[in-house]
Amino acid sequence: MSTTPVAVVIADDELLIREALRAVLDAEGDLTVVGDAGTVDEAVALIEHHRPEVAVIDVRMPTGGGAEVARRVAGLGTSLVAFSAYDDAGHRRRMRDAGVGEYVIKGMPNAEIVAAVRRAVTARAGQAG
């Protein structure tokens, strides 16, 4: 069993959200946030640099949002979790079509957010094997 924490990148245009999500994920012994970004370009650069197992990406950000991030990092092996204030079929479909496997709503209990990140890790492991 590996003791190396799962690397996670966070992308959200709100600093407060990034800081709160970082605190939630870093509090878990098996997860560690390796970077956070406020724009699509920053998110793509961090994902390309760190090659994290998971990236938690906001659905709506300046210059394209989470679907744009997903398209630009497709093929890098990073599982994606959408993190959104919007819980409607259109946003969910756009993110799924862009390759995002999990979709969580801002304001959900922390345990549900952590569970979604862990499911993304499990899905990634299943694709690699």
Protein backbone atom coordinates (compact mmCIF):
# COMPACT_ATOMS: atom_id res chain seq x y z
CA MET A 1 0.00 0.00 0.00
CA SER A 2 1.38 3.40 -1.01
CA THR A 3 1.96 6.04 1.64
CA THR A 4 2.51 8.81 -0.89
CA PRO A 5 -0.43 11.24 -0.76
CA VAL A 6 -2.50 11.76 -3.89
CA ALA A 7 -1.54 15.02 -5.60
CA VAL A 8 -4.40 17.44 -6.24
CA VAL A 9 -4.60 20.76 -8.12
CA ILE A 10 -7.42 23.20 -7.36
CA ALA A 11 -8.72 25.71 -9.91
CA ASP A 12 -11.27 28.34 -8.91
CA ASP A 13 -11.37 32.07 -9.60
CA GLU A 14 -12.26 32.82 -5.96
CA LEU A 15 -9.26 32.87 -3.61
CA LEU A 16 -11.43 32.17 -0.57
CA ILE A 17 -12.85 29.05 -2.20
CA ARG A 18 -9.36 27.83 -3.14
CA GLU A 19 -8.09 28.36 0.40
CA ALA A 20 -11.08 26.61 1.98
CA LEU A 21 -10.88 23.66 -0.40
CA ARG A 22 -7.12 23.40 0.15
CA ALA A 23 -7.69 23.23 3.93
CA VAL A 24 -10.33 20.51 3.52
CA LEU A 25 -8.21 18.35 1.20
CA ASP A 26 -4.88 18.86 2.98
CA ALA A 27 -6.53 17.78 6.25
CA GLU A 28 -6.91 14.32 4.72
CA GLY A 29 -3.83 12.16 5.20
CA ASP A 30 -4.06 10.62 1.74
CA LEU A 31 -4.49 13.87 -0.24
CA THR A 32 -2.18 16.85 -0.74
CA VAL A 33 -2.79 20.01 -2.74
CA VAL A 34 0.26 20.70 -4.91
CA GLY A 35 -1.03 23.95 -6.39
CA ASP A 36 -4.00 26.19 -6.91
CA ALA A 37 -4.98 28.41 -9.79
CA GLY A 38 -7.37 31.28 -10.39
CA THR A 39 -7.58 31.12 -14.18
CA VAL A 40 -7.83 28.55 -16.93
CA ASP A 41 -4.27 29.23 -18.11
CA GLU A 42 -2.87 28.90 -14.58
CA ALA A 43 -4.79 25.66 -14.06
CA VAL A 44 -3.52 24.13 -17.29
CA ALA A 45 0.07 25.15 -16.48
CA LEU A 46 -0.13 23.63 -12.99
CA ILE A 47 -1.65 20.39 -14.26
CA GLU A 48 0.97 20.12 -17.02
CA HIS A 49 3.77 20.81 -14.52
CA HIS A 50 2.66 18.65 -11.57
CA ARG A 51 0.72 15.93 -13.42
CA PRO A 52 -1.54 15.45 -10.37
CA GLU A 53 -3.76 12.43 -10.02
CA VAL A 54 -6.77 14.74 -9.60
CA ALA A 55 -7.72 18.34 -10.39
CA VAL A 56 -10.75 20.00 -8.84
CA ILE A 57 -11.89 22.64 -11.34
CA ASP A 58 -14.53 25.33 -11.16
CA VAL A 59 -17.13 25.12 -13.89
CA ARG A 60 -17.09 28.89 -14.51
CA MET A 61 -13.82 30.81 -14.55
CA PRO A 62 -12.48 33.65 -16.66
CA THR A 63 -11.31 32.65 -20.15
CA GLY A 64 -13.28 29.46 -20.51
CA GLY A 65 -13.98 27.64 -17.27
CA GLY A 66 -13.65 24.02 -16.31
CA ALA A 67 -14.64 22.56 -19.67
CA GLU A 68 -11.79 24.50 -21.31
CA VAL A 69 -9.34 23.20 -18.69
CA ALA A 70 -10.59 19.66 -19.30
CA ARG A 71 -10.14 19.95 -23.06
CA ARG A 72 -6.64 21.37 -22.73
CA VAL A 73 -5.37 18.69 -20.32
CA ALA A 74 -7.07 15.72 -21.96
CA GLY A 75 -4.66 12.85 -22.28
CA LEU A 76 -2.40 13.85 -19.37
CA GLY A 77 -3.90 11.22 -17.06
CA THR A 78 -5.35 13.64 -14.51
CA SER A 79 -8.85 12.80 -13.29
CA LEU A 80 -11.12 15.82 -13.11
CA VAL A 81 -13.71 16.83 -10.54
CA ALA A 82 -16.03 19.72 -11.41
CA PHE A 83 -16.69 22.08 -8.51
CA SER A 84 -19.63 24.38 -9.14
CA ALA A 85 -22.31 26.59 -7.71
CA TYR A 86 -24.50 25.48 -10.64
CA ASP A 87 -26.45 22.24 -10.37
CA ASP A 88 -28.24 21.98 -13.67
CA ALA A 89 -28.26 19.45 -16.47
CA GLY A 90 -26.60 21.80 -18.98
CA HIS A 91 -23.52 22.47 -16.85
CA ARG A 92 -23.27 18.80 -15.89
CA ARG A 93 -23.53 17.68 -19.53
CA ARG A 94 -20.89 20.18 -20.75
CA MET A 95 -18.45 19.02 -18.08
CA ARG A 96 -19.13 15.33 -18.71
CA ASP A 97 -18.71 15.86 -22.46
CA ALA A 98 -15.36 17.56 -21.76
CA GLY A 99 -14.15 14.49 -19.85
CA VAL A 100 -14.95 15.37 -16.25
CA GLY A 101 -15.86 12.31 -14.18
CA GLU A 102 -17.21 13.83 -10.95
CA TYR A 103 -19.40 16.87 -10.35
CA VAL A 104 -19.80 18.37 -6.88
CA ILE A 105 -21.71 21.42 -5.75
CA LYS A 106 -20.17 24.19 -3.70
CA GLY A 107 -21.70 24.07 -0.27
CA MET A 108 -21.89 20.28 -0.13
CA PRO A 109 -20.60 18.75 3.08
CA ASN A 110 -16.82 18.44 3.06
CA ALA A 111 -17.07 14.65 3.35
CA GLU A 112 -18.92 14.52 0.02
CA ILE A 113 -16.29 16.65 -1.71
CA VAL A 114 -13.50 14.46 -0.35
CA ALA A 115 -15.42 11.33 -1.40
CA ALA A 116 -15.71 12.69 -4.97
CA VAL A 117 -11.95 13.30 -5.11
CA ARG A 118 -11.31 9.76 -3.89
CA ARG A 119 -13.75 8.33 -6.47
CA ALA A 120 -11.81 10.22 -9.16
CA VAL A 121 -8.59 8.62 -7.90
CA THR A 122 -10.21 5.18 -8.02
CA ALA A 123 -11.53 5.80 -11.54
CA ARG A 124 -8.06 6.92 -12.65
CA ALA A 125 -6.50 3.76 -11.19
CA GLY A 126 -9.09 1.66 -13.01
CA GLN A 127 -8.26 3.31 -16.33
CA ALA A 128 -4.52 2.82 -15.82
CA GLY A 129 -4.88 -0.87 -15.01
